[in-house]
């Protein structure tokens, strides 16, 4: 029996541009989070006495600002060397050979797979073979896995690969391949990287994206970490996710439907923050709050939005260590006295609003939401529909059900604002 760790998309020293625009942002804590998470990965490898660590690309986040980034990585690898743990590493698009211009000599326990062609490393003491190939350039459009060798009978074999597989929303289509093609190689485990959301693509054989090690913005919510794999008698018997992030990102919806008093609204905010902080399990919580619902407090939000933002930030400040930072507060409530009149209008935008309201009141249907979105784009300018890029982290992908789910409340607010302005785009 042996165990190994699989991690990817570390993005050491990611610049996380845009944080400075928030005066109260814990900039240093957020920027240091990828390093702290990587230290926790190394500690976990030592505690579990793993046979080896797999890093499936995007260790870095582009060219280093200085050598400190590389020195930090080398220092962590020496900790693993002292514990007798080898590391197998492939470069991804963010740390490709053409991207990183600075180099440091790696400790002997680190094997960095070549970029010219697939390379195989044998571990005779475990009867294991690991196959891998690094990205030679930032953009790789060919199927790297196609040239990986077929497995040999009776040996536990692993494929280490940075890839978009057959496409994942929000991720560039690099080193594309398919799950059936990977399956055909005969390996017991495919250790993938590039996709920041954890996903078990297949269990026979195991094809796994561990997700990134540390969330970096409000689209990368929930627990982040690495995958611990247990092998017995040449078979995978356990695949376990371990949270290693030190800053937990969350999107919190606070529904004020029916709320009439400020005290009631503040109580709902406090409860939502408490629940999110508890779920963060002792980590700094970086949260985006969206306030929704038809409420008599709406006019007050419109008249004094900054007052309410300060109220919410005050509640967050009261939460205590390790702290809650409200990255963004979106006030998207509605007035009960205006709702009926808007929904009753006989024009194209009111018809779209009725459809959006119906979508919000039923289980989410991506097909219906996509149709509404396309209708809206025909009636309004596309930038107005897709929204701005505050913080530089927005994307527009109407084919992605998750993107549509996130975007529909904003679409509803857009229709509201246009109808309230008295504009008719029919």
Protein backbone atom coordinates (compact mmCIF):
# COMPACT_ATOMS: atom_id res chain seq x y z
CA UNK A 1 0.00 0.00 0.00
CA UNK A 2 1.14 3.55 -0.75
CA UNK A 3 -0.38 7.01 -1.04
CA UNK A 4 0.35 9.92 -3.34
CA UNK A 5 -0.83 13.53 -3.54
CA UNK A 6 -2.15 15.20 -6.68
CA UNK A 7 -2.32 19.01 -6.90
CA UNK A 8 -2.47 21.56 -9.70
CA UNK A 9 -2.89 25.23 -10.51
CA UNK A 10 -0.96 26.64 -7.57
CA UNK A 11 -0.35 30.06 -9.21
CA UNK A 12 2.38 31.06 -6.78
CA UNK A 13 2.64 34.84 -6.33
CA UNK A 14 -0.34 35.59 -8.54
CA UNK A 15 -0.56 39.41 -8.76
CA UNK A 16 -4.35 39.45 -8.18
CA UNK A 17 -4.69 42.83 -9.86
CA UNK A 18 -7.44 45.14 -8.69
CA UNK A 19 -7.23 44.53 -4.94
CA UNK A 20 -5.82 48.01 -4.34
CA UNK A 21 -9.09 49.61 -5.41
CA UNK A 22 -10.63 48.34 -2.15
CA UNK A 23 -9.12 50.44 0.71
CA UNK A 24 -10.14 47.90 3.36
CA UNK A 25 -9.00 44.80 1.45
CA UNK A 26 -6.59 42.45 3.30
CA UNK A 27 -4.24 42.69 0.32
CA UNK A 28 -1.23 41.00 1.89
CA UNK A 29 -3.25 38.09 3.30
CA UNK A 30 -4.98 37.44 -0.02
CA UNK A 31 -1.79 37.72 -2.08
CA UNK A 32 0.13 35.48 0.33
CA UNK A 33 -2.60 32.84 0.30
CA UNK A 34 -1.19 30.74 -2.61
CA UNK A 35 2.15 30.43 -0.76
CA UNK A 36 0.47 29.54 2.54
CA UNK A 37 -1.71 26.96 0.79
CA UNK A 38 1.36 25.45 -0.86
CA UNK A 39 3.08 25.20 2.52
CA UNK A 40 0.03 23.31 3.79
CA UNK A 41 0.29 20.97 0.80
CA UNK A 42 3.90 20.19 1.68
CA UNK A 43 2.96 19.66 5.33
CA UNK A 44 0.18 17.27 4.31
CA UNK A 45 2.58 15.28 2.12
CA UNK A 46 4.97 14.90 5.05
CA UNK A 47 2.22 14.06 7.57
CA UNK A 48 0.71 11.40 5.31
CA UNK A 49 4.16 10.08 4.35
CA UNK A 50 3.13 9.97 0.71
CA UNK A 51 5.25 8.07 -1.77
CA UNK A 52 5.34 11.06 -4.15
CA UNK A 53 3.69 14.38 -5.02
CA UNK A 54 2.26 15.13 -8.48
CA UNK A 55 1.98 18.76 -9.66
CA UNK A 56 -0.10 18.97 -12.85
CA UNK A 57 0.88 22.39 -14.13
CA UNK A 58 0.51 26.13 -13.51
CA UNK A 59 2.76 26.09 -10.50
CA UNK A 60 3.54 29.73 -11.27
CA UNK A 61 1.41 32.55 -12.64
CA UNK A 62 3.64 33.72 -15.47
CA UNK A 63 7.09 35.24 -15.39
CA UNK A 64 8.51 35.92 -11.94
CA UNK A 65 8.77 39.47 -10.66
CA UNK A 66 12.05 38.43 -9.06
CA UNK A 67 13.80 35.24 -7.92
CA UNK A 68 11.92 35.08 -4.62
CA UNK A 69 9.11 33.11 -6.26
CA UNK A 70 11.50 30.40 -7.40
CA UNK A 71 13.44 30.45 -4.15
CA UNK A 72 10.25 29.85 -2.20
CA UNK A 73 9.40 26.83 -4.35
CA UNK A 74 12.92 25.41 -4.08
CA UNK A 75 12.78 25.81 -0.30
CA UNK A 76 9.55 23.82 -0.09
CA UNK A 77 10.98 21.11 -2.32
CA UNK A 78 13.95 20.77 0.03
CA UNK A 79 11.54 20.16 2.90
CA UNK A 80 10.11 17.26 0.89
CA UNK A 81 13.59 16.03 0.02
CA UNK A 82 14.47 15.85 3.71
CA UNK A 83 11.32 13.73 4.21
CA UNK A 84 12.31 11.44 1.30
CA UNK A 85 9.37 12.49 -0.91
CA UNK A 86 9.93 12.83 -4.67
CA UNK A 87 8.00 15.38 -6.75
CA UNK A 88 6.85 14.98 -10.35
CA UNK A 89 6.06 18.22 -12.14
CA UNK A 90 4.76 19.26 -15.56
CA UNK A 91 4.58 22.87 -16.74
CA UNK A 92 1.22 24.28 -17.79
CA UNK A 93 0.29 27.28 -19.91
CA UNK A 94 1.09 29.81 -17.16
CA UNK A 95 4.58 28.42 -16.54
CA UNK A 96 5.51 27.18 -20.02
CA UNK A 97 9.07 27.16 -21.27
CA UNK A 98 8.48 30.30 -23.35
CA UNK A 99 6.83 32.13 -20.43
CA UNK A 100 9.21 31.74 -17.47
CA UNK A 101 12.51 33.42 -18.28
CA UNK A 102 14.16 33.02 -14.87
CA UNK A 103 15.41 29.60 -13.80
CA UNK A 104 16.77 28.01 -10.64
CA UNK A 105 18.33 24.60 -10.19
CA UNK A 106 15.76 22.25 -8.67
CA UNK A 107 16.62 19.82 -5.86
CA UNK A 108 17.33 16.23 -6.91
CA UNK A 109 13.97 14.98 -5.60
CA UNK A 110 12.08 17.03 -8.25
CA UNK A 111 11.57 15.65 -11.74
CA UNK A 112 10.43 18.31 -14.21
CA UNK A 113 9.09 16.53 -17.30
CA UNK A 114 10.43 17.61 -20.68
CA UNK A 115 8.35 19.61 -23.17
CA UNK A 116 9.63 18.08 -26.43
CA UNK A 117 7.78 14.77 -26.08
CA UNK A 118 6.21 12.57 -23.39
CA UNK A 119 8.63 11.22 -20.82
CA UNK A 120 8.28 8.18 -18.57
CA UNK A 121 9.77 7.84 -15.07
CA UNK A 122 9.84 4.40 -13.44
CA UNK A 123 9.58 3.86 -9.69
CA UNK A 124 10.72 0.20 -9.43
CA UNK A 125 10.28 -0.03 -5.67
CA UNK A 126 6.54 0.67 -6.11
CA UNK A 127 6.14 -0.91 -9.58
CA UNK A 128 4.86 2.47 -10.80
CA UNK A 129 5.35 4.35 -14.06
CA UNK A 130 4.55 8.07 -14.38
CA UNK A 131 4.15 9.60 -17.85
CA UNK A 132 4.19 13.35 -18.37
CA UNK A 133 4.94 16.20 -20.76
CA UNK A 134 5.28 19.92 -20.05
CA UNK A 135 3.86 22.70 -22.19
CA UNK A 136 6.55 24.01 -24.58
CA UNK A 137 4.64 27.29 -25.04
CA UNK A 138 1.77 29.18 -23.48
CA UNK A 139 -0.70 28.06 -26.14
CA UNK A 140 -0.78 24.36 -26.98
CA UNK A 141 -3.50 23.38 -29.42
CA UNK A 142 -2.43 19.80 -30.12
CA UNK A 143 -3.39 16.70 -28.14
CA UNK A 144 -0.29 15.99 -26.03
CA UNK A 145 -1.80 12.82 -24.56
CA UNK A 146 -2.02 11.21 -27.99
CA UNK A 147 1.72 10.44 -27.86
CA UNK A 148 1.74 9.09 -24.31
CA UNK A 149 2.69 5.38 -24.40
CA UNK A 150 0.19 2.60 -23.71
CA UNK A 151 0.35 0.96 -20.28
CA UNK A 152 2.24 -2.26 -19.68
CA UNK A 153 0.33 -5.11 -18.10
CA UNK A 154 0.75 -5.57 -14.34
CA UNK A 155 2.20 -2.12 -13.60
CA UNK A 156 0.46 0.81 -11.87
CA UNK A 157 0.64 3.67 -14.38
CA UNK A 158 -0.16 7.36 -14.06
CA UNK A 159 -0.64 10.05 -16.68
CA UNK A 160 0.36 13.57 -15.59
CA UNK A 161 -1.19 16.14 -17.91
CA UNK A 162 -2.22 19.80 -18.10
CA UNK A 163 -5.28 19.94 -20.33
CA UNK A 164 -8.74 21.38 -20.92
CA UNK A 165 -9.83 17.82 -21.77
CA UNK A 166 -12.80 18.14 -24.17
CA UNK A 167 -13.51 21.67 -23.02
CA UNK A 168 -14.51 23.22 -19.73
CA UNK A 169 -16.41 26.54 -19.45
CA UNK A 170 -14.22 29.47 -18.52
CA UNK A 171 -10.95 27.71 -19.47
CA UNK A 172 -8.94 28.05 -22.66
CA UNK A 173 -8.92 24.95 -24.88
CA UNK A 174 -5.31 23.89 -24.34
CA UNK A 175 -3.92 20.38 -25.06
CA UNK A 176 -7.44 19.12 -25.88
CA UNK A 177 -8.23 15.42 -25.57
CA UNK A 178 -11.13 13.18 -24.58
CA UNK A 179 -11.86 10.94 -21.62
CA UNK A 180 -12.29 7.84 -23.87
CA UNK A 181 -8.87 8.48 -25.40
CA UNK A 182 -7.27 8.76 -21.96
CA UNK A 183 -9.10 5.62 -20.85
CA UNK A 184 -7.72 3.73 -23.84
CA UNK A 185 -4.13 4.24 -22.65
CA UNK A 186 -4.75 1.72 -19.85
CA UNK A 187 -3.45 3.87 -16.98
CA UNK A 188 -4.87 3.48 -13.49
CA UNK A 189 -4.93 7.22 -12.75
CA UNK A 190 -4.85 10.42 -14.81
CA UNK A 191 -3.62 13.42 -12.78
CA UNK A 192 -4.94 16.45 -14.66
CA UNK A 193 -4.54 20.19 -14.21
CA UNK A 194 -5.78 23.46 -15.77
CA UNK A 195 -9.43 23.39 -14.64
CA UNK A 196 -9.85 25.26 -11.34
CA UNK A 197 -13.01 23.45 -10.25
CA UNK A 198 -12.52 20.00 -8.72
CA UNK A 199 -13.98 17.29 -10.93
CA UNK A 200 -13.85 13.51 -10.99
CA UNK A 201 -14.25 12.86 -14.71
CA UNK A 202 -14.06 9.08 -14.46
CA UNK A 203 -13.63 6.38 -11.82
CA UNK A 204 -12.63 3.54 -14.12
CA UNK A 205 -9.92 4.56 -14.61
CA UNK A 206 -9.65 7.53 -12.30
CA UNK A 207 -9.44 10.80 -14.27
CA UNK A 208 -9.28 13.71 -11.83
CA UNK A 209 -9.02 17.49 -11.84
CA UNK A 210 -8.16 18.38 -8.21
CA UNK A 211 -9.08 22.05 -8.79
CA UNK A 212 -6.76 24.85 -7.82
CA UNK A 213 -5.04 24.88 -4.47
CA UNK A 214 -6.32 28.30 -3.40
CA UNK A 215 -9.27 30.33 -4.67
CA UNK A 216 -8.16 33.69 -6.06
CA UNK A 217 -11.42 35.59 -6.63
CA UNK A 218 -15.18 35.43 -6.15
CA UNK A 219 -15.74 32.90 -8.96
CA UNK A 220 -13.50 30.38 -7.20
CA UNK A 221 -15.66 29.70 -4.17
CA UNK A 222 -15.76 26.86 -1.67
CA UNK A 223 -13.07 24.52 -0.42
CA UNK A 224 -9.88 24.30 -2.48
CA UNK A 225 -7.01 21.88 -2.09
CA UNK A 226 -5.50 18.63 -3.32
CA UNK A 227 -6.39 14.98 -3.88
CA UNK A 228 -4.95 12.21 -1.69
CA UNK A 229 -4.92 8.83 -3.43
CA UNK A 230 -4.47 5.44 -1.74
CA UNK A 231 -3.28 2.44 -3.75
CA UNK A 232 -3.40 -1.19 -2.57
CA UNK A 233 -2.30 -4.23 -4.58
CA UNK A 234 -2.02 -2.16 -7.74
CA UNK A 235 -5.52 -0.65 -7.49
CA UNK A 236 -6.84 2.75 -6.41
CA UNK A 237 -8.92 2.13 -3.30
CA UNK A 238 -9.52 5.69 -2.09
CA UNK A 239 -9.54 9.17 -3.64
CA UNK A 240 -10.00 11.90 -1.05
CA UNK A 241 -10.14 15.68 -1.37
CA UNK A 242 -8.30 17.67 1.30
CA UNK A 243 -9.01 21.38 1.81
CA UNK A 244 -5.77 23.36 1.98
CA UNK A 245 -6.88 26.92 1.18
CA UNK A 246 -6.24 29.63 3.75
CA UNK A 247 -8.65 32.26 2.33
CA UNK A 248 -12.15 31.01 1.56
CA UNK A 249 -14.12 32.80 -1.14
CA UNK A 250 -17.93 32.79 -0.99
CA UNK A 251 -20.88 34.36 -2.79
CA UNK A 252 -23.67 35.06 -0.31
CA UNK A 253 -27.24 35.78 -1.37
CA UNK A 254 -29.35 37.58 1.24
CA UNK A 255 -33.04 37.55 0.37
CA UNK A 256 -34.95 40.40 2.03
CA UNK A 257 -38.33 39.42 0.59
CA UNK A 258 -41.04 40.72 2.91
CA UNK A 259 -38.60 42.57 5.16
CA UNK A 260 -40.03 45.90 6.38
CA UNK A 261 -37.69 46.98 9.19
CA UNK A 262 -33.99 47.81 9.09
CA UNK A 263 -33.39 45.67 12.21
CA UNK A 264 -34.89 42.64 10.46
CA UNK A 265 -32.69 43.21 7.41
CA UNK A 266 -29.55 43.56 9.53
CA UNK A 267 -30.45 40.38 11.42
CA UNK A 268 -30.69 38.50 8.10
CA UNK A 269 -27.32 39.91 7.03
CA UNK A 270 -25.72 38.89 10.32
CA UNK A 271 -27.13 35.36 10.08
CA UNK A 272 -25.88 34.93 6.50
CA UNK A 273 -22.39 36.15 7.45
CA UNK A 274 -22.28 33.85 10.47
CA UNK A 275 -23.23 30.82 8.37
CA UNK A 276 -20.64 31.63 5.71
CA UNK A 277 -17.92 32.19 8.30
CA UNK A 278 -18.74 28.88 9.97
CA UNK A 279 -18.50 27.14 6.59
CA UNK A 280 -15.06 28.76 6.08
CA UNK A 281 -13.86 26.62 9.01
CA UNK A 282 -11.39 29.02 10.62
CA UNK A 283 -10.20 30.72 7.43
CA UNK A 284 -10.32 34.36 6.42
CA UNK A 285 -13.61 34.73 4.54
CA UNK A 286 -13.63 36.84 1.38
CA UNK A 287 -17.28 37.27 0.43
CA UNK A 288 -19.35 38.86 -2.28
CA UNK A 289 -22.82 39.72 -0.99
CA UNK A 290 -25.87 40.15 -3.18
CA UNK A 291 -28.97 41.61 -1.54
CA UNK A 292 -32.17 40.61 -3.32
CA UNK A 293 -35.92 40.37 -2.83
CA UNK A 294 -39.02 42.52 -3.02
CA UNK A 295 -38.90 44.62 0.13
CA UNK A 296 -40.29 47.85 1.54
CA UNK A 297 -36.66 48.78 2.34
CA UNK A 298 -35.83 49.09 -1.37
CA UNK A 299 -36.39 52.86 -1.56
CA UNK A 300 -34.01 53.34 1.35
CA UNK A 301 -31.34 51.30 -0.43
CA UNK A 302 -31.77 53.47 -3.52
CA UNK A 303 -31.60 56.74 -1.55
CA UNK A 304 -28.72 55.77 0.73
CA UNK A 305 -26.77 52.89 -0.80
CA UNK A 306 -23.51 53.90 0.90
CA UNK A 307 -25.16 53.91 4.31
CA UNK A 308 -26.23 50.31 3.84
CA UNK A 309 -22.83 49.28 2.52
CA UNK A 310 -21.25 50.75 5.65
CA UNK A 311 -23.82 48.93 7.79
CA UNK A 312 -22.87 45.62 6.16
CA UNK A 313 -19.15 46.26 6.44
CA UNK A 314 -19.69 47.08 10.10
CA UNK A 315 -21.38 43.72 10.64
CA UNK A 316 -18.47 42.00 8.89
CA UNK A 317 -15.97 43.82 11.12
CA UNK A 318 -17.76 42.48 14.19
CA UNK A 319 -17.24 38.86 13.17
CA UNK A 320 -13.79 38.67 14.76
CA UNK A 321 -10.70 36.71 13.74
CA UNK A 322 -9.75 35.34 11.30
CA UNK A 323 -12.05 37.95 9.83
CA UNK A 324 -14.57 38.62 7.07
CA UNK A 325 -13.81 40.86 4.10
CA UNK A 326 -16.73 41.94 1.92
CA UNK A 327 -15.18 42.10 -1.54
CA UNK A 328 -18.33 43.48 -3.15
CA UNK A 329 -21.86 44.37 -2.04
CA UNK A 330 -24.57 44.33 -4.69
CA UNK A 331 -27.87 45.95 -3.73
CA UNK A 332 -30.41 44.38 -6.09
CA UNK A 333 -33.71 44.60 -4.25
CA UNK A 334 -37.07 45.57 -5.75
CA UNK A 335 -39.93 47.82 -4.72
CA UNK A 336 -43.24 45.99 -4.07
CA UNK A 337 -45.32 48.94 -5.27
CA UNK A 338 -43.47 49.08 -8.60
CA UNK A 339 -43.31 45.33 -9.28
CA UNK A 340 -46.97 44.89 -10.21
CA UNK A 341 -47.02 47.83 -12.60
CA UNK A 342 -43.83 46.77 -14.38
CA UNK A 343 -44.93 43.17 -14.83
CA UNK A 344 -48.27 44.39 -16.15
CA UNK A 345 -46.83 46.47 -18.97
CA UNK A 346 -47.49 45.30 -22.51
CA UNK A 347 -44.11 45.59 -24.21
CA UNK A 348 -41.15 43.39 -25.12
CA UNK A 349 -38.96 44.17 -22.11
CA UNK A 350 -41.81 43.61 -19.67
CA UNK A 351 -42.42 40.26 -21.36
CA UNK A 352 -38.77 39.34 -20.87
CA UNK A 353 -38.95 40.44 -17.23
CA UNK A 354 -41.95 38.17 -16.67
CA UNK A 355 -39.98 35.26 -18.15
CA UNK A 356 -36.96 36.02 -15.95
CA UNK A 357 -39.17 36.27 -12.85
CA UNK A 358 -40.67 32.88 -13.72
CA UNK A 359 -37.16 31.40 -14.10
CA UNK A 360 -36.17 32.73 -10.69
CA UNK A 361 -39.25 31.16 -9.09
CA UNK A 362 -38.67 27.62 -10.44
CA UNK A 363 -35.77 25.13 -10.56
CA UNK A 364 -33.11 26.56 -12.84
CA UNK A 365 -33.47 25.62 -16.53
CA UNK A 366 -30.29 26.47 -18.52
CA UNK A 367 -32.06 26.08 -21.89
CA UNK A 368 -34.78 28.59 -20.98
CA UNK A 369 -32.26 30.95 -19.43
CA UNK A 370 -30.12 30.81 -22.58
CA UNK A 371 -33.13 31.67 -24.74
CA UNK A 372 -33.96 34.66 -22.54
CA UNK A 373 -30.34 35.81 -22.69
CA UNK A 374 -30.26 35.62 -26.49
CA UNK A 375 -33.57 37.52 -26.74
CA UNK A 376 -32.16 40.18 -24.45
CA UNK A 377 -29.01 40.57 -26.55
CA UNK A 378 -31.18 41.27 -29.60
CA UNK A 379 -32.98 44.07 -27.78
CA UNK A 380 -30.12 45.73 -25.88
CA UNK A 381 -26.40 46.40 -26.54
CA UNK A 382 -24.26 43.39 -25.69
CA UNK A 383 -21.94 45.24 -23.21
CA UNK A 384 -25.05 46.38 -21.33
CA UNK A 385 -26.25 42.78 -21.11
CA UNK A 386 -22.97 41.16 -20.10
CA UNK A 387 -22.02 43.80 -17.54
CA UNK A 388 -18.72 45.40 -16.63
CA UNK A 389 -15.47 43.77 -15.59
CA UNK A 390 -15.06 45.03 -12.06
CA UNK A 391 -11.93 43.49 -10.61
CA UNK A 392 -11.08 41.99 -14.01
CA UNK A 393 -12.66 38.64 -13.18
CA UNK A 394 -15.92 38.63 -15.17
CA UNK A 395 -16.43 36.38 -18.16
CA UNK A 396 -19.17 36.06 -20.75
CA UNK A 397 -20.08 32.51 -21.71
CA UNK A 398 -23.82 32.01 -22.34
CA UNK A 399 -23.14 28.32 -23.12
CA UNK A 400 -22.08 27.73 -19.51
CA UNK A 401 -25.10 26.86 -17.29
CA UNK A 402 -23.25 28.07 -14.17
CA UNK A 403 -22.50 31.42 -15.82
CA UNK A 404 -26.16 31.77 -16.81
CA UNK A 405 -27.28 30.93 -13.27
CA UNK A 406 -24.97 33.62 -11.86
CA UNK A 407 -25.96 36.15 -14.51
CA UNK A 408 -29.77 35.88 -14.45
CA UNK A 409 -30.26 38.06 -11.32
CA UNK A 410 -28.23 40.80 -13.02
CA UNK A 411 -30.31 40.37 -16.19
CA UNK A 412 -33.44 40.83 -14.09
CA UNK A 413 -32.01 44.00 -12.55
CA UNK A 414 -31.06 45.27 -16.01
CA UNK A 415 -34.63 44.83 -17.23
CA UNK A 416 -35.91 46.53 -14.10
CA UNK A 417 -33.69 49.55 -14.63
CA UNK A 418 -34.64 49.91 -18.29
CA UNK A 419 -38.34 49.65 -17.53
CA UNK A 420 -38.03 52.15 -14.69
CA UNK A 421 -36.25 54.53 -17.05
CA UNK A 422 -39.24 54.29 -19.36
CA UNK A 423 -37.20 52.94 -22.28
CA UNK A 424 -38.76 50.60 -24.78
CA UNK A 425 -36.36 48.45 -26.80
CA UNK A 426 -39.04 46.55 -28.67
